[in-house]
């Protein structure tokens, strides 16, 4: 079975402070048993428990991180994002960019729930071919590319919140 884990937290466990709020240090992730024929992986980290005002604006959960990683890779070390992703990787804009959050770009943005504990889902899509998506591609286009290209999906859920401090600009 295609499986995604982190040495920093278990499935359903609390995400450590090192990877949350104004920290942009991505947690370590490792996957096993990738399906045969995988050319690349798409990693999507999302918060589906966002407050209704954000959900109404987005029409979906809040995207914290999107990255495409070569199929030869089977793990991302702590702090891979920002700036230390494996060769051939590409990161895409998160919803921190969508909402013009100061200090955020196309890289990992940690959990920062304003109201309560939220579930943060890391989805790792094993793809049969590499989509030709430039870095400025929005999530809708990425989702469409994943829909017909996915062989299998691995999932890891971490929990965090409520935030200890208010997000700047919110």
N, C-alpha and C. Protein backbone atom coordinates (compact mmCIF):
# COMPACT_ATOMS: atom_id res chain seq x y z
N UNK A 1 0.83 -1.18 0.00
CA UNK A 1 0.00 0.00 0.00
C UNK A 1 0.88 1.26 0.00
N UNK A 2 0.56 2.21 -0.85
CA UNK A 2 1.24 3.51 -0.93
C UNK A 2 0.99 4.23 0.39
N UNK A 3 2.06 4.67 1.06
CA UNK A 3 1.96 5.14 2.43
C UNK A 3 2.82 6.39 2.64
N UNK A 4 2.27 7.41 3.32
CA UNK A 4 2.97 8.66 3.63
C UNK A 4 3.08 8.81 5.14
N UNK A 5 4.29 9.11 5.63
CA UNK A 5 4.52 9.29 7.06
C UNK A 5 5.42 10.50 7.31
N UNK A 6 5.50 10.89 8.59
CA UNK A 6 6.44 11.91 9.03
C UNK A 6 7.07 11.44 10.33
N UNK A 7 8.37 11.66 10.47
CA UNK A 7 9.03 11.33 11.73
C UNK A 7 8.73 12.39 12.79
N UNK A 8 8.10 13.50 12.41
CA UNK A 8 7.79 14.58 13.35
C UNK A 8 6.44 14.40 14.04
N UNK A 9 5.51 13.69 13.40
CA UNK A 9 4.19 13.45 14.00
C UNK A 9 3.54 12.26 13.30
N UNK A 10 2.68 11.57 14.03
CA UNK A 10 1.96 10.43 13.47
C UNK A 10 0.63 10.86 12.88
N UNK A 11 0.00 9.97 12.14
CA UNK A 11 -1.29 10.25 11.54
C UNK A 11 -2.31 10.56 12.64
N UNK A 12 -2.92 11.73 12.56
CA UNK A 12 -3.90 12.16 13.56
C UNK A 12 -3.31 12.85 14.77
N UNK A 13 -1.98 12.97 14.82
CA UNK A 13 -1.30 13.58 15.97
C UNK A 13 -1.11 15.09 15.77
N UNK A 14 -0.70 15.75 16.85
CA UNK A 14 -0.43 17.19 16.85
C UNK A 14 0.84 17.48 16.04
N UNK A 15 0.77 18.49 15.18
CA UNK A 15 1.95 18.95 14.44
C UNK A 15 2.78 19.80 15.39
N UNK A 16 4.06 19.48 15.57
CA UNK A 16 4.91 20.23 16.50
C UNK A 16 5.05 21.72 16.14
N UNK A 17 5.27 22.53 17.16
CA UNK A 17 5.39 23.99 17.01
C UNK A 17 6.45 24.40 16.00
N UNK A 18 7.45 23.58 15.81
CA UNK A 18 8.54 23.89 14.88
C UNK A 18 8.05 24.12 13.45
N UNK A 19 6.85 23.58 13.11
CA UNK A 19 6.35 23.61 11.73
C UNK A 19 5.08 24.44 11.57
N UNK A 20 4.75 25.27 12.56
CA UNK A 20 3.46 25.98 12.54
C UNK A 20 3.63 27.49 12.65
N UNK A 21 2.52 28.16 12.44
CA UNK A 21 2.39 29.61 12.51
C UNK A 21 3.44 30.29 11.64
N UNK A 22 4.25 31.20 12.17
CA UNK A 22 5.15 31.95 11.30
C UNK A 22 6.41 31.18 10.90
N UNK A 23 6.50 29.92 11.27
CA UNK A 23 7.59 29.08 10.80
C UNK A 23 7.30 28.64 9.36
N UNK A 24 8.27 28.72 8.52
CA UNK A 24 8.11 28.21 7.15
C UNK A 24 9.03 27.00 6.93
N UNK A 25 9.29 26.26 8.01
CA UNK A 25 10.10 25.05 7.94
C UNK A 25 9.16 23.87 7.71
N UNK A 26 9.29 23.21 6.58
CA UNK A 26 8.42 22.07 6.29
C UNK A 26 8.84 20.86 7.12
N UNK A 27 7.85 20.04 7.51
CA UNK A 27 8.18 18.83 8.28
C UNK A 27 8.79 17.77 7.37
N UNK A 28 9.52 16.82 7.98
CA UNK A 28 10.05 15.71 7.18
C UNK A 28 8.90 14.80 6.75
N UNK A 29 8.95 14.36 5.51
CA UNK A 29 7.94 13.45 4.96
C UNK A 29 8.64 12.31 4.24
N UNK A 30 8.07 11.13 4.36
CA UNK A 30 8.64 9.95 3.70
C UNK A 30 7.49 9.10 3.17
N UNK A 31 7.70 8.50 1.97
CA UNK A 31 6.67 7.64 1.42
C UNK A 31 7.28 6.34 0.94
N UNK A 32 6.41 5.31 0.98
CA UNK A 32 6.82 3.96 0.63
C UNK A 32 5.78 3.35 -0.32
N UNK A 33 6.26 2.36 -1.05
CA UNK A 33 5.40 1.57 -1.94
C UNK A 33 4.69 2.41 -3.00
N UNK A 34 5.44 3.31 -3.60
CA UNK A 34 4.86 4.10 -4.71
C UNK A 34 4.44 3.15 -5.81
N UNK A 35 3.33 3.44 -6.46
CA UNK A 35 2.86 2.55 -7.52
C UNK A 35 3.82 2.50 -8.71
N UNK A 36 3.86 1.36 -9.34
CA UNK A 36 4.68 1.19 -10.54
C UNK A 36 4.21 2.19 -11.60
N UNK A 37 5.16 2.76 -12.32
CA UNK A 37 4.83 3.70 -13.37
C UNK A 37 4.73 5.15 -12.90
N UNK A 38 5.08 5.42 -11.62
CA UNK A 38 5.02 6.79 -11.12
C UNK A 38 6.14 7.62 -11.72
N UNK A 39 5.79 8.68 -12.42
CA UNK A 39 6.79 9.58 -12.99
C UNK A 39 7.11 10.74 -12.06
N UNK A 40 6.10 11.19 -11.30
CA UNK A 40 6.32 12.27 -10.35
C UNK A 40 5.26 12.21 -9.25
N UNK A 41 5.48 13.01 -8.22
CA UNK A 41 4.54 13.12 -7.11
C UNK A 41 4.09 14.57 -6.99
N UNK A 42 2.84 14.77 -6.67
CA UNK A 42 2.34 16.10 -6.32
C UNK A 42 1.93 16.04 -4.86
N UNK A 43 2.51 16.92 -4.06
CA UNK A 43 2.18 17.02 -2.65
C UNK A 43 1.28 18.24 -2.45
N UNK A 44 0.15 18.04 -1.80
CA UNK A 44 -0.78 19.12 -1.51
C UNK A 44 -1.10 19.06 -0.03
N UNK A 45 -0.84 20.16 0.69
CA UNK A 45 -1.20 20.26 2.11
C UNK A 45 -2.36 21.24 2.22
N UNK A 46 -3.45 20.79 2.83
CA UNK A 46 -4.65 21.62 2.89
C UNK A 46 -5.29 21.58 4.27
N UNK A 47 -6.02 22.63 4.57
CA UNK A 47 -6.82 22.75 5.80
C UNK A 47 -8.28 22.84 5.38
N UNK A 48 -9.03 21.78 5.61
CA UNK A 48 -10.45 21.79 5.25
C UNK A 48 -11.33 22.33 6.37
N UNK A 49 -10.76 22.62 7.52
CA UNK A 49 -11.53 23.10 8.67
C UNK A 49 -11.51 24.62 8.79
N UNK A 50 -11.21 25.32 7.71
CA UNK A 50 -11.11 26.78 7.76
C UNK A 50 -12.46 27.40 8.10
N UNK A 51 -12.43 28.60 8.73
CA UNK A 51 -13.69 29.29 9.04
C UNK A 51 -14.49 29.57 7.77
N UNK A 52 -15.79 29.65 7.92
CA UNK A 52 -16.71 29.77 6.79
C UNK A 52 -16.39 30.97 5.90
N UNK A 53 -15.98 32.11 6.47
CA UNK A 53 -15.71 33.28 5.62
C UNK A 53 -14.62 33.01 4.59
N UNK A 54 -13.62 32.20 4.95
CA UNK A 54 -12.56 31.85 4.00
C UNK A 54 -13.06 30.80 3.02
N UNK A 55 -13.81 29.82 3.52
CA UNK A 55 -14.34 28.78 2.66
C UNK A 55 -15.24 29.38 1.59
N UNK A 56 -16.05 30.36 1.96
CA UNK A 56 -16.94 31.01 0.98
C UNK A 56 -16.13 31.74 -0.08
N UNK A 57 -15.03 32.37 0.31
CA UNK A 57 -14.18 33.08 -0.66
C UNK A 57 -13.45 32.12 -1.58
N UNK A 58 -12.98 31.00 -1.05
CA UNK A 58 -12.18 30.06 -1.83
C UNK A 58 -13.01 28.99 -2.53
N UNK A 59 -14.12 28.60 -1.92
CA UNK A 59 -14.91 27.51 -2.45
C UNK A 59 -14.29 26.14 -2.19
N UNK A 60 -13.35 26.08 -1.25
CA UNK A 60 -12.61 24.86 -0.91
C UNK A 60 -11.80 25.13 0.36
N UNK A 61 -11.01 24.16 0.78
CA UNK A 61 -10.11 24.33 1.91
C UNK A 61 -8.95 25.25 1.56
N UNK A 62 -8.18 25.64 2.57
CA UNK A 62 -7.03 26.54 2.42
C UNK A 62 -5.80 25.70 2.06
N UNK A 63 -5.13 26.04 0.97
CA UNK A 63 -3.94 25.33 0.51
C UNK A 63 -2.70 25.94 1.18
N UNK A 64 -1.98 25.11 1.93
CA UNK A 64 -0.77 25.55 2.63
C UNK A 64 0.51 25.28 1.86
N UNK A 65 0.47 24.30 0.96
CA UNK A 65 1.69 23.92 0.25
C UNK A 65 1.33 23.05 -0.94
N UNK A 66 1.94 23.33 -2.08
CA UNK A 66 1.82 22.49 -3.27
C UNK A 66 3.22 22.34 -3.86
N UNK A 67 3.62 21.10 -4.09
CA UNK A 67 4.93 20.86 -4.68
C UNK A 67 4.86 19.65 -5.61
N UNK A 68 5.64 19.70 -6.66
CA UNK A 68 5.81 18.57 -7.57
C UNK A 68 7.24 18.06 -7.37
N UNK A 69 7.37 16.74 -7.16
CA UNK A 69 8.65 16.12 -6.85
C UNK A 69 8.89 14.98 -7.84
N UNK A 70 10.11 14.81 -8.32
CA UNK A 70 10.40 13.72 -9.25
C UNK A 70 10.04 12.34 -8.68
N UNK A 71 9.68 11.42 -9.56
CA UNK A 71 9.29 10.08 -9.16
C UNK A 71 10.40 9.27 -8.52
N UNK A 72 11.65 9.69 -8.67
CA UNK A 72 12.78 8.98 -8.06
C UNK A 72 12.96 9.33 -6.59
N UNK A 73 12.25 10.33 -6.10
CA UNK A 73 12.36 10.80 -4.72
C UNK A 73 11.37 10.04 -3.84
N UNK A 74 11.79 9.68 -2.62
CA UNK A 74 10.89 8.99 -1.71
C UNK A 74 10.80 9.65 -0.34
N UNK A 75 11.41 10.84 -0.21
CA UNK A 75 11.28 11.57 1.05
C UNK A 75 11.71 13.02 0.86
N UNK A 76 11.18 13.86 1.74
CA UNK A 76 11.59 15.26 1.83
C UNK A 76 12.09 15.47 3.25
N UNK A 77 13.33 15.90 3.43
CA UNK A 77 13.83 16.13 4.78
C UNK A 77 13.20 17.37 5.40
N UNK A 78 13.31 17.47 6.69
CA UNK A 78 12.84 18.67 7.37
C UNK A 78 13.46 19.90 6.71
N UNK A 79 12.64 20.92 6.48
CA UNK A 79 13.14 22.15 5.89
C UNK A 79 13.40 22.06 4.39
N UNK A 80 12.89 21.02 3.73
CA UNK A 80 13.06 20.95 2.27
C UNK A 80 12.48 22.21 1.63
N UNK A 81 11.36 22.66 2.15
CA UNK A 81 10.77 23.92 1.70
C UNK A 81 10.86 24.90 2.86
N UNK A 82 11.28 26.10 2.59
CA UNK A 82 11.64 26.65 1.29
C UNK A 82 13.13 26.50 0.99
N UNK A 83 13.42 26.34 -0.28
CA UNK A 83 14.79 26.47 -0.76
C UNK A 83 15.65 25.23 -0.81
N UNK A 84 15.19 24.11 -0.30
CA UNK A 84 16.02 22.91 -0.29
C UNK A 84 15.32 21.70 -0.89
N UNK A 85 14.42 21.95 -1.83
CA UNK A 85 13.70 20.86 -2.48
C UNK A 85 14.65 20.07 -3.39
N UNK A 86 14.36 18.78 -3.61
CA UNK A 86 15.21 17.98 -4.49
C UNK A 86 15.27 18.57 -5.91
N UNK A 87 16.37 18.33 -6.59
CA UNK A 87 16.53 18.78 -7.97
C UNK A 87 15.36 18.29 -8.81
N UNK A 88 14.85 19.17 -9.65
CA UNK A 88 13.73 18.83 -10.51
C UNK A 88 12.37 19.07 -9.89
N UNK A 89 12.35 19.52 -8.64
CA UNK A 89 11.08 19.83 -7.95
C UNK A 89 10.60 21.21 -8.33
N UNK A 90 9.32 21.44 -8.12
CA UNK A 90 8.73 22.76 -8.36
C UNK A 90 7.67 23.00 -7.29
N UNK A 91 7.66 24.22 -6.73
CA UNK A 91 6.64 24.58 -5.76
C UNK A 91 5.70 25.60 -6.39
N UNK A 92 4.44 25.55 -5.97
CA UNK A 92 3.40 26.41 -6.53
C UNK A 92 2.84 27.31 -5.45
N UNK A 93 2.10 28.33 -5.87
CA UNK A 93 1.59 29.31 -4.91
C UNK A 93 0.51 28.70 -4.01
N UNK A 94 0.62 29.04 -2.73
CA UNK A 94 -0.35 28.59 -1.74
C UNK A 94 -1.41 29.67 -1.56
N UNK A 95 -2.34 29.41 -0.68
CA UNK A 95 -3.35 30.44 -0.41
C UNK A 95 -2.82 31.58 0.45
N UNK A 96 -1.63 31.42 1.03
CA UNK A 96 -1.00 32.57 1.68
C UNK A 96 -0.72 33.63 0.61
N UNK A 97 -0.36 33.19 -0.59
CA UNK A 97 -0.14 34.10 -1.72
C UNK A 97 -1.49 34.67 -2.17
N UNK A 98 -2.50 33.80 -2.27
CA UNK A 98 -3.84 34.23 -2.67
C UNK A 98 -4.34 35.39 -1.80
N UNK A 99 -4.06 35.30 -0.49
CA UNK A 99 -4.52 36.32 0.46
C UNK A 99 -3.44 37.37 0.76
N UNK A 100 -2.38 37.42 -0.04
CA UNK A 100 -1.31 38.42 0.11
C UNK A 100 -0.75 38.47 1.53
N UNK A 101 -0.48 37.32 2.13
CA UNK A 101 0.07 37.26 3.47
C UNK A 101 1.55 37.63 3.41
N UNK A 102 1.97 38.65 4.17
CA UNK A 102 3.38 39.07 4.13
C UNK A 102 4.33 37.93 4.50
N UNK A 103 5.43 37.81 3.74
CA UNK A 103 6.46 36.82 4.04
C UNK A 103 6.24 35.46 3.42
N UNK A 104 5.16 35.29 2.65
CA UNK A 104 4.89 33.98 2.06
C UNK A 104 4.94 34.06 0.55
N UNK A 105 5.46 33.00 -0.04
CA UNK A 105 5.52 32.89 -1.49
C UNK A 105 5.12 31.49 -1.89
N UNK A 106 5.75 30.98 -2.91
CA UNK A 106 5.45 29.62 -3.38
C UNK A 106 6.31 28.62 -2.62
N UNK A 107 5.95 28.41 -1.37
CA UNK A 107 6.67 27.46 -0.51
C UNK A 107 5.76 27.05 0.64
N UNK A 108 6.25 26.18 1.50
CA UNK A 108 5.51 25.70 2.65
C UNK A 108 5.08 26.86 3.54
N UNK A 109 3.83 26.80 3.98
CA UNK A 109 3.30 27.71 4.98
C UNK A 109 2.60 26.88 6.04
N UNK A 110 3.05 26.96 7.26
CA UNK A 110 2.55 26.09 8.31
C UNK A 110 1.13 26.38 8.77
N UNK A 111 0.56 25.46 9.53
CA UNK A 111 -0.77 25.66 10.10
C UNK A 111 -0.83 26.92 10.94
N UNK A 112 -1.96 27.64 10.81
CA UNK A 112 -2.14 28.87 11.58
C UNK A 112 -3.65 29.11 11.76
N UNK A 113 -4.35 28.16 12.43
CA UNK A 113 -5.81 28.28 12.53
C UNK A 113 -6.23 29.38 13.51
N UNK A 114 -7.10 30.28 13.09
CA UNK A 114 -7.47 31.41 13.93
C UNK A 114 -8.47 31.09 15.04
N UNK A 115 -9.13 29.93 14.95
CA UNK A 115 -10.29 29.74 15.82
C UNK A 115 -10.29 28.48 16.68
N UNK A 116 -9.71 27.40 16.23
CA UNK A 116 -9.81 26.12 16.94
C UNK A 116 -8.77 25.16 16.37
N UNK A 117 -8.76 23.93 16.88
CA UNK A 117 -7.90 22.91 16.30
C UNK A 117 -8.42 22.55 14.90
N UNK A 118 -7.51 22.46 13.95
CA UNK A 118 -7.87 22.09 12.58
C UNK A 118 -7.08 20.85 12.17
N UNK A 119 -7.63 20.13 11.20
CA UNK A 119 -6.94 18.98 10.60
C UNK A 119 -6.21 19.46 9.34
N UNK A 120 -4.95 19.10 9.24
CA UNK A 120 -4.12 19.46 8.09
C UNK A 120 -3.79 18.17 7.34
N UNK A 121 -4.27 18.10 6.11
CA UNK A 121 -4.13 16.89 5.32
C UNK A 121 -3.01 17.06 4.30
N UNK A 122 -2.05 16.16 4.37
CA UNK A 122 -0.98 16.07 3.38
C UNK A 122 -1.40 14.97 2.41
N UNK A 123 -1.64 15.33 1.17
CA UNK A 123 -1.99 14.36 0.14
C UNK A 123 -0.82 14.24 -0.83
N UNK A 124 -0.40 13.02 -1.08
CA UNK A 124 0.70 12.78 -2.01
C UNK A 124 0.15 11.98 -3.19
N UNK A 125 0.05 12.64 -4.34
CA UNK A 125 -0.49 12.04 -5.55
C UNK A 125 0.65 11.44 -6.36
N UNK A 126 0.56 10.15 -6.66
CA UNK A 126 1.52 9.51 -7.56
C UNK A 126 0.95 9.65 -8.98
N UNK A 127 1.71 10.32 -9.86
CA UNK A 127 1.22 10.62 -11.20
C UNK A 127 1.94 9.79 -12.26
N UNK A 128 1.20 9.44 -13.31
CA UNK A 128 1.77 8.64 -14.40
C UNK A 128 2.55 9.47 -15.39
N UNK A 129 2.35 10.80 -15.38
CA UNK A 129 3.15 11.68 -16.23
C UNK A 129 3.28 13.04 -15.56
N UNK A 130 4.30 13.76 -15.96
CA UNK A 130 4.58 15.07 -15.38
C UNK A 130 3.74 16.13 -16.07
N UNK A 131 2.82 16.78 -15.33
CA UNK A 131 2.04 17.85 -15.96
C UNK A 131 2.92 19.06 -16.24
N UNK A 132 2.69 19.71 -17.36
CA UNK A 132 3.44 20.91 -17.73
C UNK A 132 2.72 22.12 -17.13
N UNK A 133 3.02 22.40 -15.87
CA UNK A 133 2.35 23.48 -15.14
C UNK A 133 3.38 24.50 -14.65
N UNK A 134 3.33 25.72 -15.14
CA UNK A 134 4.27 26.74 -14.66
C UNK A 134 4.01 27.11 -13.20
N UNK A 135 5.00 27.70 -12.52
CA UNK A 135 4.87 28.02 -11.09
C UNK A 135 3.67 28.91 -10.73
N UNK A 136 3.20 29.72 -11.65
CA UNK A 136 2.07 30.62 -11.34
C UNK A 136 0.71 29.95 -11.51
N UNK A 137 0.69 28.66 -11.86
CA UNK A 137 -0.57 27.93 -12.05
C UNK A 137 -1.41 27.97 -10.79
N UNK A 138 -2.72 28.22 -10.95
CA UNK A 138 -3.59 28.27 -9.76
C UNK A 138 -4.06 26.85 -9.42
N UNK A 139 -4.62 26.72 -8.21
CA UNK A 139 -4.97 25.41 -7.71
C UNK A 139 -6.03 24.71 -8.57
N UNK A 140 -6.96 25.43 -9.12
CA UNK A 140 -7.98 24.81 -9.97
C UNK A 140 -7.37 24.09 -11.15
N UNK A 141 -6.39 24.71 -11.78
CA UNK A 141 -5.70 24.08 -12.92
C UNK A 141 -4.87 22.87 -12.47
N UNK A 142 -4.26 23.00 -11.30
CA UNK A 142 -3.48 21.87 -10.76
C UNK A 142 -4.41 20.70 -10.47
N UNK A 143 -5.53 20.97 -9.83
CA UNK A 143 -6.49 19.91 -9.50
C UNK A 143 -6.98 19.20 -10.78
N UNK A 144 -7.25 19.97 -11.82
CA UNK A 144 -7.69 19.37 -13.09
C UNK A 144 -6.60 18.48 -13.66
N UNK A 145 -5.35 18.90 -13.57
CA UNK A 145 -4.24 18.10 -14.09
C UNK A 145 -4.06 16.81 -13.29
N UNK A 146 -4.31 16.88 -11.99
CA UNK A 146 -4.16 15.70 -11.14
C UNK A 146 -5.28 14.69 -11.37
N UNK A 147 -6.45 15.18 -11.64
CA UNK A 147 -7.65 14.34 -11.73
C UNK A 147 -7.48 13.16 -12.69
N UNK A 148 -6.94 13.39 -13.86
CA UNK A 148 -6.84 12.33 -14.86
C UNK A 148 -5.44 11.73 -14.98
N UNK A 149 -4.57 12.09 -14.05
CA UNK A 149 -3.18 11.66 -14.15
C UNK A 149 -2.74 10.85 -12.93
N UNK A 150 -3.62 10.70 -11.94
CA UNK A 150 -3.27 10.08 -10.67
C UNK A 150 -3.38 8.56 -10.73
N UNK A 151 -2.31 7.89 -10.27
CA UNK A 151 -2.30 6.44 -10.15
C UNK A 151 -2.83 6.05 -8.77
N UNK A 152 -2.33 6.75 -7.72
CA UNK A 152 -2.73 6.46 -6.35
C UNK A 152 -2.46 7.69 -5.49
N UNK A 153 -3.04 7.72 -4.30
CA UNK A 153 -2.87 8.84 -3.37
C UNK A 153 -2.57 8.29 -1.98
N UNK A 154 -1.56 8.86 -1.33
CA UNK A 154 -1.26 8.55 0.07
C UNK A 154 -1.63 9.78 0.90
N UNK A 155 -2.00 9.54 2.17
CA UNK A 155 -2.51 10.63 3.00
C UNK A 155 -1.91 10.57 4.40
N UNK A 156 -1.65 11.75 4.95
CA UNK A 156 -1.21 11.91 6.34
C UNK A 156 -1.95 13.11 6.90
N UNK A 157 -2.53 12.97 8.09
CA UNK A 157 -3.25 14.09 8.71
C UNK A 157 -2.56 14.46 10.01
N UNK A 158 -2.30 15.76 10.17
CA UNK A 158 -1.81 16.31 11.42
C UNK A 158 -2.82 17.31 11.95
N UNK A 159 -2.78 17.56 13.25
CA UNK A 159 -3.74 18.47 13.90
C UNK A 159 -2.96 19.59 14.56
N UNK A 160 -3.53 20.79 14.50
CA UNK A 160 -2.92 21.92 15.21
C UNK A 160 -3.98 22.98 15.47
N UNK A 161 -3.83 23.66 16.61
CA UNK A 161 -4.66 24.82 16.88
C UNK A 161 -5.33 24.77 18.24
N UNK A 162 -5.90 25.91 18.61
CA UNK A 162 -5.89 27.17 17.87
C UNK A 162 -4.51 27.81 17.92
N UNK A 163 -4.27 28.77 17.02
CA UNK A 163 -2.98 29.46 16.93
C UNK A 163 -2.68 30.17 18.24
N UNK A 164 -1.40 30.25 18.55
CA UNK A 164 -0.95 30.92 19.77
C UNK A 164 -0.85 32.44 19.58
N UNK A 165 -0.71 32.87 18.31
CA UNK A 165 -0.64 34.30 18.03
C UNK A 165 -1.42 34.60 16.76
N UNK A 166 -1.83 35.83 16.61
CA UNK A 166 -2.60 36.24 15.44
C UNK A 166 -1.68 36.40 14.24
N UNK A 167 -2.17 36.02 13.08
CA UNK A 167 -1.42 36.15 11.84
C UNK A 167 -1.33 37.62 11.47
N UNK A 168 -0.17 38.08 11.06
CA UNK A 168 -0.03 39.46 10.63
C UNK A 168 -0.84 39.68 9.37
N UNK A 169 -1.51 40.80 9.29
CA UNK A 169 -2.32 41.13 8.12
C UNK A 169 -3.71 40.55 8.16
N UNK A 170 -4.07 39.80 9.23
CA UNK A 170 -5.42 39.22 9.28
C UNK A 170 -6.36 40.03 10.14
